Amino acid sequence: MKPARHHITTCRRCHAPICWALTTANGKRQPLDAEPTAEGNVAAMQGPDGLLYVRSVTVARPEIRPGEWQAMPHHATCSSPPPRRSSGTGQRQRSGVRPVPWQGRQP
């Protein structure tokens, strides 16, 4: 099965055909490659409300149910991915108490 034509759009970066789906785990949007593939690690389906939903294919639920198709997240195949965010391994700004010179008691 394939996504309906009205769900397919293009990636802003690489201009490949993609479709947007909501994750069943937390309801966030995830781009998928529009072409189904056997190497995909997610299962997509059109819900009764007309929206696309996607779930992970896991060891616990490896089967593709009727009405679903296997797809690949577009982040894994995009030829022009967005720049990576900093992992925070560099020096970071210190927070907390500002160091001040010690002012001991004077008799």
PDB file of N, CA and C in Angstrom:
ATOM      1  N   MET A   1       0.850  -1.183   0.000  1.00  0.00           N
ATOM      2  CA  MET A   1       0.000   0.000   0.000  1.00  0.00           C
ATOM      3  C   MET A   1       0.886   1.234   0.000  1.00  0.00           C
ATOM      4  N   LYS A   2       0.397   2.304  -0.593  1.00  0.00           N
ATOM      5  CA  LYS A   2       1.142   3.556  -0.669  1.00  0.00           C
ATOM      6  C   LYS A   2       0.305   4.670  -0.062  1.00  0.00           C
ATOM      7  N   PRO A   3       0.965   5.772   0.339  1.00  0.00           N
ATOM      8  CA  PRO A   3       0.191   6.907   0.833  1.00  0.00           C
ATOM      9  C   PRO A   3      -0.619   7.546  -0.295  1.00  0.00           C
ATOM     10  N   ALA A   4      -1.745   8.128   0.062  1.00  0.00           N
ATOM     11  CA  ALA A   4      -2.578   8.803  -0.938  1.00  0.00           C
ATOM     12  C   ALA A   4      -1.833  10.002  -1.508  1.00  0.00           C
ATOM     13  N   ARG A   5      -2.161  10.359  -2.727  1.00  0.00           N
ATOM     14  CA  ARG A   5      -1.466  11.443  -3.419  1.00  0.00           C
ATOM     15  C   ARG A   5      -1.548  12.769  -2.662  1.00  0.00           C
ATOM     16  N   HIS A   6      -2.672  13.029  -1.988  1.00  0.00           N
ATOM     17  CA  HIS A   6      -2.811  14.311  -1.299  1.00  0.00           C
ATOM     18  C   HIS A   6      -1.947  14.394  -0.042  1.00  0.00           C
ATOM     19  N   HIS A   7      -1.364  13.290   0.416  1.00  0.00           N
ATOM     20  CA  HIS A   7      -0.454  13.315   1.566  1.00  0.00           C
ATOM     21  C   HIS A   7       0.987  13.606   1.155  1.00  0.00           C
ATOM     22  N   ILE A   8       1.304  13.464  -0.119  1.00  0.00           N
ATOM     23  CA  ILE A   8       2.691  13.579  -0.577  1.00  0.00           C
ATOM     24  C   ILE A   8       3.044  15.033  -0.853  1.00  0.00           C
ATOM     25  N   THR A   9       4.201  15.433  -0.320  1.00  0.00           N
ATOM     26  CA  THR A   9       4.760  16.759  -0.549  1.00  0.00           C
ATOM     27  C   THR A   9       6.246  16.575  -0.848  1.00  0.00           C
ATOM     28  N   THR A  10       7.029  17.648  -0.901  1.00  0.00           N
ATOM     29  CA  THR A  10       8.457  17.519  -1.163  1.00  0.00           C
ATOM     30  C   THR A  10       9.264  18.061   0.007  1.00  0.00           C
ATOM     31  N   CYS A  11      10.443  17.496   0.192  1.00  0.00           N
ATOM     32  CA  CYS A  11      11.371  17.943   1.231  1.00  0.00           C
ATOM     33  C   CYS A  11      11.917  19.310   0.830  1.00  0.00           C
ATOM     34  N   ARG A  12      11.991  20.229   1.780  1.00  0.00           N
ATOM     35  CA  ARG A  12      12.498  21.565   1.484  1.00  0.00           C
ATOM     36  C   ARG A  12      13.980  21.555   1.150  1.00  0.00           C
ATOM     37  N   ARG A  13      14.708  20.574   1.642  1.00  0.00           N
ATOM     38  CA  ARG A  13      16.153  20.556   1.447  1.00  0.00           C
ATOM     39  C   ARG A  13      16.580  19.786   0.206  1.00  0.00           C
ATOM     40  N   CYS A  14      16.069  18.569   0.033  1.00  0.00           N
ATOM     41  CA  CYS A  14      16.534  17.739  -1.094  1.00  0.00           C
ATOM     42  C   CYS A  14      15.476  17.569  -2.179  1.00  0.00           C
ATOM     43  N   HIS A  15      14.272  18.063  -1.958  1.00  0.00           N
ATOM     44  CA  HIS A  15      13.168  18.032  -2.919  1.00  0.00           C
ATOM     45  C   HIS A  15      12.695  16.616  -3.267  1.00  0.00           C
ATOM     46  N   ALA A  16      12.943  15.665  -2.381  1.00  0.00           N
ATOM     47  CA  ALA A  16      12.453  14.301  -2.575  1.00  0.00           C
ATOM     48  C   ALA A  16      10.997  14.220  -2.130  1.00  0.00           C
ATOM     49  N   PRO A  17      10.217  13.310  -2.687  1.00  0.00           N
ATOM     50  CA  PRO A  17       8.825  13.168  -2.248  1.00  0.00           C
ATOM     51  C   PRO A  17       8.755  12.555  -0.846  1.00  0.00           C
ATOM     52  N   ILE A  18       8.037  13.225   0.044  1.00  0.00           N
ATOM     53  CA  ILE A  18       7.869  12.757   1.421  1.00  0.00           C
ATOM     54  C   ILE A  18       6.405  12.887   1.816  1.00  0.00           C
ATOM     55  N   CYS A  19       6.053  12.315   2.936  1.00  0.00           N
ATOM     56  CA  CYS A  19       4.744  12.542   3.530  1.00  0.00           C
ATOM     57  C   CYS A  19       4.944  12.674   5.037  1.00  0.00           C
ATOM     58  N   TRP A  20       4.098  13.455   5.666  1.00  0.00           N
ATOM     59  CA  TRP A  20       4.180  13.700   7.103  1.00  0.00           C
ATOM     60  C   TRP A  20       3.190  12.797   7.821  1.00  0.00           C
ATOM     61  N   ALA A  21       3.636  12.218   8.930  1.00  0.00           N
ATOM     62  CA  ALA A  21       2.780  11.341   9.722  1.00  0.00           C
ATOM     63  C   ALA A  21       2.932  11.709  11.195  1.00  0.00           C
ATOM     64  N   LEU A  22       1.928  11.382  11.970  1.00  0.00           N
ATOM     65  CA  LEU A  22       1.983  11.582  13.416  1.00  0.00           C
ATOM     66  C   LEU A  22       2.439  10.287  14.069  1.00  0.00           C
ATOM     67  N   THR A  23       3.354  10.399  15.024  1.00  0.00           N
ATOM     68  CA  THR A  23       3.809   9.200  15.718  1.00  0.00           C
ATOM     69  C   THR A  23       2.736   8.754  16.701  1.00  0.00           C
ATOM     70  N   THR A  24       2.570   7.450  16.819  1.00  0.00           N
ATOM     71  CA  THR A  24       1.569   6.939  17.759  1.00  0.00           C
ATOM     72  C   THR A  24       2.069   7.033  19.188  1.00  0.00           C
ATOM     73  N   ALA A  25       3.385   7.124  19.385  1.00  0.00           N
ATOM     74  CA  ALA A  25       3.943   7.188  20.732  1.00  0.00           C
ATOM     75  C   ALA A  25       3.656   8.517  21.411  1.00  0.00           C
ATOM     76  N   ASN A  26       3.863   9.641  20.698  1.00  0.00           N
ATOM     77  CA  ASN A  26       3.690  10.947  21.343  1.00  0.00           C
ATOM     78  C   ASN A  26       3.002  11.991  20.476  1.00  0.00           C
ATOM     79  N   GLY A  27       2.541  11.631  19.299  1.00  0.00           N
ATOM     80  CA  GLY A  27       1.782  12.558  18.464  1.00  0.00           C
ATOM     81  C   GLY A  27       2.603  13.619  17.768  1.00  0.00           C
ATOM     82  N   LYS A  28       3.931  13.450  17.693  1.00  0.00           N
ATOM     83  CA  LYS A  28       4.768  14.420  16.995  1.00  0.00           C
ATOM     84  C   LYS A  28       4.817  14.088  15.513  1.00  0.00           C
ATOM     85  N   ARG A  29       5.074  15.117  14.697  1.00  0.00           N
ATOM     86  CA  ARG A  29       5.150  14.936  13.250  1.00  0.00           C
ATOM     87  C   ARG A  29       6.487  14.339  12.851  1.00  0.00           C
ATOM     88  N   GLN A  30       6.458  13.382  11.914  1.00  0.00           N
ATOM     89  CA  GLN A  30       7.670  12.746  11.421  1.00  0.00           C
ATOM     90  C   GLN A  30       7.589  12.633   9.908  1.00  0.00           C
ATOM     91  N   PRO A  31       8.637  13.083   9.195  1.00  0.00           N
ATOM     92  CA  PRO A  31       8.633  12.927   7.741  1.00  0.00           C
ATOM     93  C   PRO A  31       9.020  11.510   7.351  1.00  0.00           C
ATOM     94  N   LEU A  32       8.320  10.970   6.362  1.00  0.00           N
ATOM     95  CA  LEU A  32       8.601   9.630   5.848  1.00  0.00           C
ATOM     96  C   LEU A  32       8.868   9.723   4.357  1.00  0.00           C
ATOM     97  N   ASP A  33       9.704   8.818   3.856  1.00  0.00           N
ATOM     98  CA  ASP A  33       9.846   8.709   2.407  1.00  0.00           C
ATOM     99  C   ASP A  33       8.506   8.250   1.840  1.00  0.00           C
ATOM    100  N   ALA A  34       8.101   8.832   0.715  1.00  0.00           N
ATOM    101  CA  ALA A  34       6.784   8.533   0.152  1.00  0.00           C
ATOM    102  C   ALA A  34       6.707   7.125  -0.424  1.00  0.00           C
ATOM    103  N   GLU A  35       7.832   6.576  -0.857  1.00  0.00           N
ATOM    104  CA  GLU A  35       7.837   5.230  -1.432  1.00  0.00           C
ATOM    105  C   GLU A  35       8.002   4.189  -0.334  1.00  0.00           C
ATOM    106  N   PRO A  36       7.114   3.208  -0.252  1.00  0.00           N
ATOM    107  CA  PRO A  36       7.283   2.123   0.723  1.00  0.00           C
ATOM    108  C   PRO A  36       8.551   1.326   0.421  1.00  0.00           C
ATOM    109  N   THR A  37       9.181   0.815   1.471  1.00  0.00           N
ATOM    110  CA  THR A  37      10.396   0.031   1.308  1.00  0.00           C
ATOM    111  C   THR A  37      10.454  -1.085   2.346  1.00  0.00           C
ATOM    112  N   ALA A  38      10.970  -2.217   1.964  1.00  0.00           N
ATOM    113  CA  ALA A  38      11.083  -3.347   2.887  1.00  0.00           C
ATOM    114  C   ALA A  38      12.174  -3.127   3.925  1.00  0.00           C
ATOM    115  N   GLU A  39      13.090  -2.193   3.683  1.00  0.00           N
ATOM    116  CA  GLU A  39      14.160  -1.903   4.632  1.00  0.00           C
ATOM    117  C   GLU A  39      13.721  -0.910   5.713  1.00  0.00           C
ATOM    118  N   GLY A  40      12.524  -0.371   5.596  1.00  0.00           N
ATOM    119  CA  GLY A  40      12.045   0.631   6.545  1.00  0.00           C
ATOM    120  C   GLY A  40      11.861   0.076   7.940  1.00  0.00           C
ATOM    121  N   ASN A  41      12.011   0.943   8.928  1.00  0.00           N
ATOM    122  CA  ASN A  41      11.858   0.512  10.312  1.00  0.00           C
ATOM    123  C   ASN A  41      10.622   1.101  10.984  1.00  0.00           C
ATOM    124  N   VAL A  42       9.704   1.631  10.181  1.00  0.00           N
ATOM    125  CA  VAL A  42       8.437   2.131  10.708  1.00  0.00           C
ATOM    126  C   VAL A  42       7.291   1.599   9.853  1.00  0.00           C
ATOM    127  N   ALA A  43       6.123   1.506  10.459  1.00  0.00           N
ATOM    128  CA  ALA A  43       4.911   1.101   9.755  1.00  0.00           C
ATOM    129  C   ALA A  43       3.956   2.284   9.751  1.00  0.00           C
ATOM    130  N   ALA A  44       3.458   2.642   8.579  1.00  0.00           N
ATOM    131  CA  ALA A  44       2.572   3.792   8.441  1.00  0.00           C
ATOM    132  C   ALA A  44       1.191   3.322   8.004  1.00  0.00           C
ATOM    133  N   MET A  45       0.179   4.073   8.418  1.00  0.00           N
ATOM    134  CA  MET A  45      -1.189   3.765   8.002  1.00  0.00           C
ATOM    135  C   MET A  45      -2.016   5.037   8.037  1.00  0.00           C
ATOM    136  N   GLN A  46      -3.093   5.036   7.260  1.00  0.00           N
ATOM    137  CA  GLN A  46      -4.020   6.158   7.281  1.00  0.00           C
ATOM    138  C   GLN A  46      -5.109   5.831   8.286  1.00  0.00           C
ATOM    139  N   GLY A  47      -5.301   6.747   9.231  1.00  0.00           N
ATOM    140  CA  GLY A  47      -6.305   6.545  10.263  1.00  0.00           C
ATOM    141  C   GLY A  47      -7.701   6.865   9.764  1.00  0.00           C
ATOM    142  N   PRO A  48      -8.725   6.577  10.575  1.00  0.00           N
ATOM    143  CA  PRO A  48     -10.100   6.862  10.177  1.00  0.00           C
ATOM    144  C   PRO A  48     -10.381   8.354  10.012  1.00  0.00           C
ATOM    145  N   ASP A  49      -9.528   9.202  10.624  1.00  0.00           N
ATOM    146  CA  ASP A  49      -9.699  10.646  10.486  1.00  0.00           C
ATOM    147  C   ASP A  49      -9.008  11.202   9.245  1.00  0.00           C
ATOM    148  N   GLY A  50      -8.367  10.334   8.440  1.00  0.00           N
ATOM    149  CA  GLY A  50      -7.719  10.760   7.209  1.00  0.00           C
ATOM    150  C   GLY A  50      -6.259  11.137   7.380  1.00  0.00           C
ATOM    151  N   LEU A  51      -5.750  11.174   8.608  1.00  0.00           N
ATOM    152  CA  LEU A  51      -4.355  11.516   8.853  1.00  0.00           C
ATOM    153  C   LEU A  51      -3.491  10.268   8.781  1.00  0.00           C
ATOM    154  N   LEU A  52      -2.199  10.477   8.512  1.00  0.00           N
ATOM    155  CA  LEU A  52      -1.256   9.364   8.503  1.00  0.00           C
ATOM    156  C   LEU A  52      -0.676   9.193   9.903  1.00  0.00           C
ATOM    157  N   TYR A  53      -0.533   7.954  10.324  1.00  0.00           N
ATOM    158  CA  TYR A  53       0.063   7.627  11.614  1.00  0.00           C
ATOM    159  C   TYR A  53       1.210   6.670  11.374  1.00  0.00           C
ATOM    160  N   VAL A  54       2.215   6.745  12.220  1.00  0.00           N
ATOM    161  CA  VAL A  54       3.398   5.911  12.078  1.00  0.00           C
ATOM    162  C   VAL A  54       3.774   5.324  13.430  1.00  0.00           C
ATOM    163  N   ARG A  55       4.231   4.080  13.414  1.00  0.00           N
ATOM    164  CA  ARG A  55       4.720   3.424  14.623  1.00  0.00           C
ATOM    165  C   ARG A  55       6.027   2.730  14.282  1.00  0.00           C
ATOM    166  N   SER A  56       6.835   2.490  15.295  1.00  0.00           N
ATOM    167  CA  SER A  56       8.097   1.789  15.093  1.00  0.00           C
ATOM    168  C   SER A  56       7.845   0.296  14.917  1.00  0.00           C
ATOM    169  N   VAL A  57       8.601  -0.316  14.044  1.00  0.00           N
ATOM    170  CA  VAL A  57       8.570  -1.769  13.899  1.00  0.00           C
ATOM    171  C   VAL A  57       9.618  -2.290  14.880  1.00  0.00           C
ATOM    172  N   THR A  58       9.172  -2.999  15.904  1.00  0.00           N
ATOM    173  CA  THR A  58      10.059  -3.473  16.962  1.00  0.00           C
ATOM    174  C   THR A  58      10.073  -4.987  17.008  1.00  0.00           C
ATOM    175  N   VAL A  59      10.929  -5.514  17.854  1.00  0.00           N
ATOM    176  CA  VAL A  59      10.984  -6.965  18.038  1.00  0.00           C
ATOM    177  C   VAL A  59       9.666  -7.452  18.625  1.00  0.00           C
ATOM    178  N   ALA A  60       9.070  -6.655  19.512  1.00  0.00           N
ATOM    179  CA  ALA A  60       7.804  -7.045  20.123  1.00  0.00           C
ATOM    180  C   ALA A  60       6.649  -7.010  19.112  1.00  0.00           C
ATOM    181  N   ARG A  61       6.687  -6.075  18.152  1.00  0.00           N
ATOM    182  CA  ARG A  61       5.626  -5.954  17.143  1.00  0.00           C
ATOM    183  C   ARG A  61       6.242  -5.827  15.757  1.00  0.00           C
ATOM    184  N   PRO A  62       6.828  -6.926  15.228  1.00  0.00           N
ATOM    185  CA  PRO A  62       7.502  -6.843  13.928  1.00  0.00           C
ATOM    186  C   PRO A  62       6.576  -6.961  12.724  1.00  0.00           C
ATOM    187  N   GLU A  63       5.350  -7.420  12.926  1.00  0.00           N
ATOM    188  CA  GLU A  63       4.464  -7.674  11.787  1.00  0.00           C
ATOM    189  C   GLU A  63       3.864  -6.376  11.248  1.00  0.00           C
ATOM    190  N   ILE A  64       3.652  -6.379   9.944  1.00  0.00           N
ATOM    191  CA  ILE A  64       2.973  -5.274   9.279  1.00  0.00           C
ATOM    192  C   ILE A  64       1.521  -5.702   9.142  1.00  0.00           C
ATOM    193  N   ARG A  65       0.635  -4.961   9.769  1.00  0.00           N
ATOM    194  CA  ARG A  65      -0.786  -5.315   9.781  1.00  0.00           C
ATOM    195  C   ARG A  65      -1.474  -4.890   8.489  1.00  0.00           C
ATOM    196  N   PRO A  66      -2.649  -5.421   8.213  1.00  0.00           N
ATOM    197  CA  PRO A  66      -3.400  -4.997   7.016  1.00  0.00           C
ATOM    198  C   PRO A  66      -3.681  -3.492   7.072  1.00  0.00           C
ATOM    199  N   GLY A  67      -3.474  -2.831   5.959  1.00  0.00           N
ATOM    200  CA  GLY A  67      -3.686  -1.395   5.885  1.00  0.00           C
ATOM    201  C   GLY A  67      -2.434  -0.590   6.179  1.00  0.00           C
ATOM    202  N   GLU A  68      -1.354  -1.228   6.624  1.00  0.00           N
ATOM    203  CA  GLU A  68      -0.092  -0.542   6.907  1.00  0.00           C
ATOM    204  C   GLU A  68       0.885  -0.782   5.769  1.00  0.00           C
ATOM    205  N   TRP A  69       1.877   0.084   5.660  1.00  0.00           N
ATOM    206  CA  TRP A  69       2.980  -0.137   4.747  1.00  0.00           C
ATOM    207  C   TRP A  69       4.266   0.217   5.477  1.00  0.00           C
ATOM    208  N   GLN A  70       5.334  -0.445   5.082  1.00  0.00           N
ATOM    209  CA  GLN A  70       6.629  -0.245   5.712  1.00  0.00           C
ATOM    210  C   GLN A  70       7.320   0.928   5.038  1.00  0.00           C
ATOM    211  N   ALA A  71       7.840   1.842   5.843  1.00  0.00           N
ATOM    212  CA  ALA A  71       8.449   3.052   5.306  1.00  0.00           C
ATOM    213  C   ALA A  71       9.751   3.346   6.039  1.00  0.00           C
ATOM    214  N   MET A  72      10.504   4.285   5.473  1.00  0.00           N
ATOM    215  CA  MET A  72      11.761   4.728   6.062  1.00  0.00           C
ATOM    216  C   MET A  72      11.605   6.185   6.481  1.00  0.00           C
ATOM    217  N   PRO A  73      12.024   6.546   7.708  1.00  0.00           N
ATOM    218  CA  PRO A  73      12.008   7.960   8.082  1.00  0.00           C
ATOM    219  C   PRO A  73      12.900   8.760   7.126  1.00  0.00           C
ATOM    220  N   HIS A  74      12.425   9.917   6.703  1.00  0.00           N
ATOM    221  CA  HIS A  74      13.174  10.699   5.721  1.00  0.00           C
ATOM    222  C   HIS A  74      14.479  11.244   6.290  1.00  0.00           C
ATOM    223  N   HIS A  75      14.560  11.412   7.599  1.00  0.00           N
ATOM    224  CA  HIS A  75      15.811  11.885   8.198  1.00  0.00           C
ATOM    225  C   HIS A  75      16.966  10.937   7.884  1.00  0.00           C
ATOM    226  N   ALA A  76      16.673   9.664   7.715  1.00  0.00           N
ATOM    227  CA  ALA A  76      17.718   8.666   7.446  1.00  0.00           C
ATOM    228  C   ALA A  76      18.183   8.686   6.000  1.00  0.00           C
ATOM    229  N   THR A  77      17.389   9.225   5.081  1.00  0.00           N
ATOM    230  CA  THR A  77      17.733   9.152   3.665  1.00  0.00           C
ATOM    231  C   THR A  77      17.915  10.505   2.996  1.00  0.00           C
ATOM    232  N   CYS A  78      17.686  11.602   3.693  1.00  0.00           N
ATOM    233  CA  CYS A  78      17.775  12.944   3.089  1.00  0.00           C
ATOM    234  C   CYS A  78      19.203  13.208   2.625  1.00  0.00           C
ATOM    235  N   SER A  79      19.352  13.663   1.382  1.00  0.00           N
ATOM    236  CA  SER A  79      20.679  13.936   0.843  1.00  0.00           C
ATOM    237  C   SER A  79      21.220  15.288   1.305  1.00  0.00           C
ATOM    238  N   SER A  80      20.376  16.145   1.859  1.00  0.00           N
ATOM    239  CA  SER A  80      20.791  17.449   2.380  1.00  0.00           C
ATOM    240  C   SER A  80      20.222  17.646   3.782  1.00  0.00           C
ATOM    241  N   PRO A  81      20.695  16.865   4.752  1.00  0.00           N
ATOM    242  CA  PRO A  81      20.115  16.971   6.090  1.00  0.00           C
ATOM    243  C   PRO A  81      20.451  18.313   6.735  1.00  0.00           C
ATOM    244  N   PRO A  82      19.657  18.737   7.708  1.00  0.00           N
ATOM    245  CA  PRO A  82      19.965  19.996   8.392  1.00  0.00           C
ATOM    246  C   PRO A  82      21.272  19.860   9.168  1.00  0.00           C
ATOM    247  N   PRO A  83      21.944  20.984   9.444  1.00  0.00           N
ATOM    248  CA  PRO A  83      23.199  20.898  10.188  1.00  0.00           C
ATOM    249  C   PRO A  83      22.959  20.310  11.574  1.00  0.00           C
ATOM    250  N   ARG A  84      23.928  19.543  12.035  1.00  0.00           N
ATOM    251  CA  ARG A  84      23.807  18.914  13.349  1.00  0.00           C
ATOM    252  C   ARG A  84      23.919  19.963  14.433  1.00  0.00           C
ATOM    253  N   ARG A  85      23.169  19.733  15.480  1.00  0.00           N
ATOM    254  CA  ARG A  85      23.246  20.627  16.631  1.00  0.00           C
ATOM    255  C   ARG A  85      24.469  20.264  17.459  1.00  0.00           C
ATOM    256  N   SER A  86      24.928  21.219  18.217  1.00  0.00           N
ATOM    257  CA  SER A  86      26.083  20.986  19.079  1.00  0.00           C
ATOM    258  C   SER A  86      25.737  19.931  20.117  1.00  0.00           C
ATOM    259  N   SER A  87      26.677  19.039  20.355  1.00  0.00           N
ATOM    260  CA  SER A  87      26.437  17.995  21.344  1.00  0.00           C
ATOM    261  C   SER A  87      26.780  18.457  22.750  1.00  0.00           C
ATOM    262  N   GLY A  88      27.316  19.665  22.864  1.00  0.00           N
ATOM    263  CA  GLY A  88      27.612  20.195  24.188  1.00  0.00           C
ATOM    264  C   GLY A  88      28.916  19.680  24.771  1.00  0.00           C
ATOM    265  N   THR A  89      29.827  19.183  23.917  1.00  0.00           N
ATOM    266  CA  THR A  89      31.082  18.654  24.433  1.00  0.00           C
ATOM    267  C   THR A  89      32.115  19.735  24.682  1.00  0.00           C
ATOM    268  N   GLY A  90      31.893  20.919  24.150  1.00  0.00           N
ATOM    269  CA  GLY A  90      32.853  22.005  24.338  1.00  0.00           C
ATOM    270  C   GLY A  90      32.710  22.650  25.718  1.00  0.00           C
ATOM    271  N   GLN A  91      33.465  23.721  25.919  1.00  0.00           N
ATOM    272  CA  GLN A  91      33.372  24.435  27.192  1.00  0.00           C
ATOM    273  C   GLN A  91      32.004  25.069  27.304  1.00  0.00           C
ATOM    274  N   ARG A  92      31.402  24.925  28.437  1.00  0.00           N
ATOM    275  CA  ARG A  92      30.117  25.578  28.631  1.00  0.00           C
ATOM    276  C   ARG A  92      30.264  26.655  29.687  1.00  0.00           C
ATOM    277  N   GLN A  93      29.374  27.579  29.619  1.00  0.00           N
ATOM    278  CA  GLN A  93      29.416  28.686  30.544  1.00  0.00           C
ATOM    279  C   GLN A  93      29.048  28.194  31.938  1.00  0.00           C
ATOM    280  N   ARG A  94      29.809  28.652  32.910  1.00  0.00           N
ATOM    281  CA  ARG A  94      29.548  28.235  34.281  1.00  0.00           C
ATOM    282  C   ARG A  94      28.347  28.984  34.826  1.00  0.00           C
ATOM    283  N   SER A  95      27.640  28.315  35.685  1.00  0.00           N
ATOM    284  CA  SER A  95      26.520  28.969  36.338  1.00  0.00           C
ATOM    285  C   SER A  95      26.637  28.725  37.832  1.00  0.00           C
ATOM    286  N   GLY A  96      25.997  29.540  38.574  1.00  0.00           N
ATOM    287  CA  GLY A  96      26.050  29.384  40.028  1.00  0.00           C
ATOM    288  C   GLY A  96      26.562  30.655  40.666  1.00  0.00           C
ATOM    289  N   VAL A  97      27.289  30.480  41.753  1.00  0.00           N
ATOM    290  CA  VAL A  97      27.791  31.625  42.507  1.00  0.00           C
ATOM    291  C   VAL A  97      28.980  32.225  41.777  1.00  0.00           C
ATOM    292  N   ARG A  98      28.961  33.543  41.662  1.00  0.00           N
ATOM    293  CA  ARG A  98      30.064  34.236  41.010  1.00  0.00           C
ATOM    294  C   ARG A  98      31.241  34.313  41.970  1.00  0.00           C
ATOM    295  N   PRO A  99      32.440  33.945  41.524  1.00  0.00           N
ATOM    296  CA  PRO A  99      33.577  33.999  42.435  1.00  0.00           C
ATOM    297  C   PRO A  99      33.944  35.448  42.757  1.00  0.00           C
ATOM    298  N   VAL A 100      34.141  35.711  44.030  1.00  0.00           N
ATOM    299  CA  VAL A 100      34.571  37.040  44.484  1.00  0.00           C
ATOM    300  C   VAL A 100      35.776  36.841  45.395  1.00  0.00           C
ATOM    301  N   PRO A 101      36.606  37.828  45.493  1.00  0.00           N
ATOM    302  CA  PRO A 101      37.758  37.691  46.381  1.00  0.00           C
ATOM    303  C   PRO A 101      37.304  37.460  47.827  1.00  0.00           C
ATOM    304  N   TRP A 102      38.049  36.614  48.525  1.00  0.00           N
ATOM    305  CA  TRP A 102      37.726  36.320  49.919  1.00  0.00           C
ATOM    306  C   TRP A 102      38.007  37.524  50.770  1.00  0.00           C
ATOM    307  N   GLN A 103      37.014  37.870  51.566  1.00  0.00           N
ATOM    308  CA  GLN A 103      37.187  38.981  52.492  1.00  0.00           C
ATOM    309  C   GLN A 103      37.073  38.420  53.896  1.00  0.00           C
ATOM    310  N   GLY A 104      38.216  38.148  54.448  1.00  0.00           N
ATOM    311  CA  GLY A 104      38.230  37.579  55.794  1.00  0.00           C
ATOM    312  C   GLY A 104      37.854  38.620  56.841  1.00  0.00           C
ATOM    313  N   ARG A 105      37.615  38.139  58.050  1.00  0.00           N
ATOM    314  CA  ARG A 105      37.300  39.053  59.159  1.00  0.00           C
ATOM    315  C   ARG A 105      38.525  39.856  59.538  1.00  0.00           C
ATOM    316  N   GLN A 106      38.275  41.082  59.832  1.00  0.00           N
ATOM    317  CA  GLN A 106      39.357  41.935  60.309  1.00  0.00           C
ATOM    318  C   GLN A 106      39.090  42.217  61.778  1.00  0.00           C
ATOM    319  N   PRO A 107      40.115  42.065  62.624  1.00  0.00           N
ATOM    320  CA  PRO A 107      39.895  42.288  64.068  1.00  0.00           C
ATOM    321  C   PRO A 107      39.669  43.726  64.452  1.00  0.00           C
TER     322      PRO A 107
END
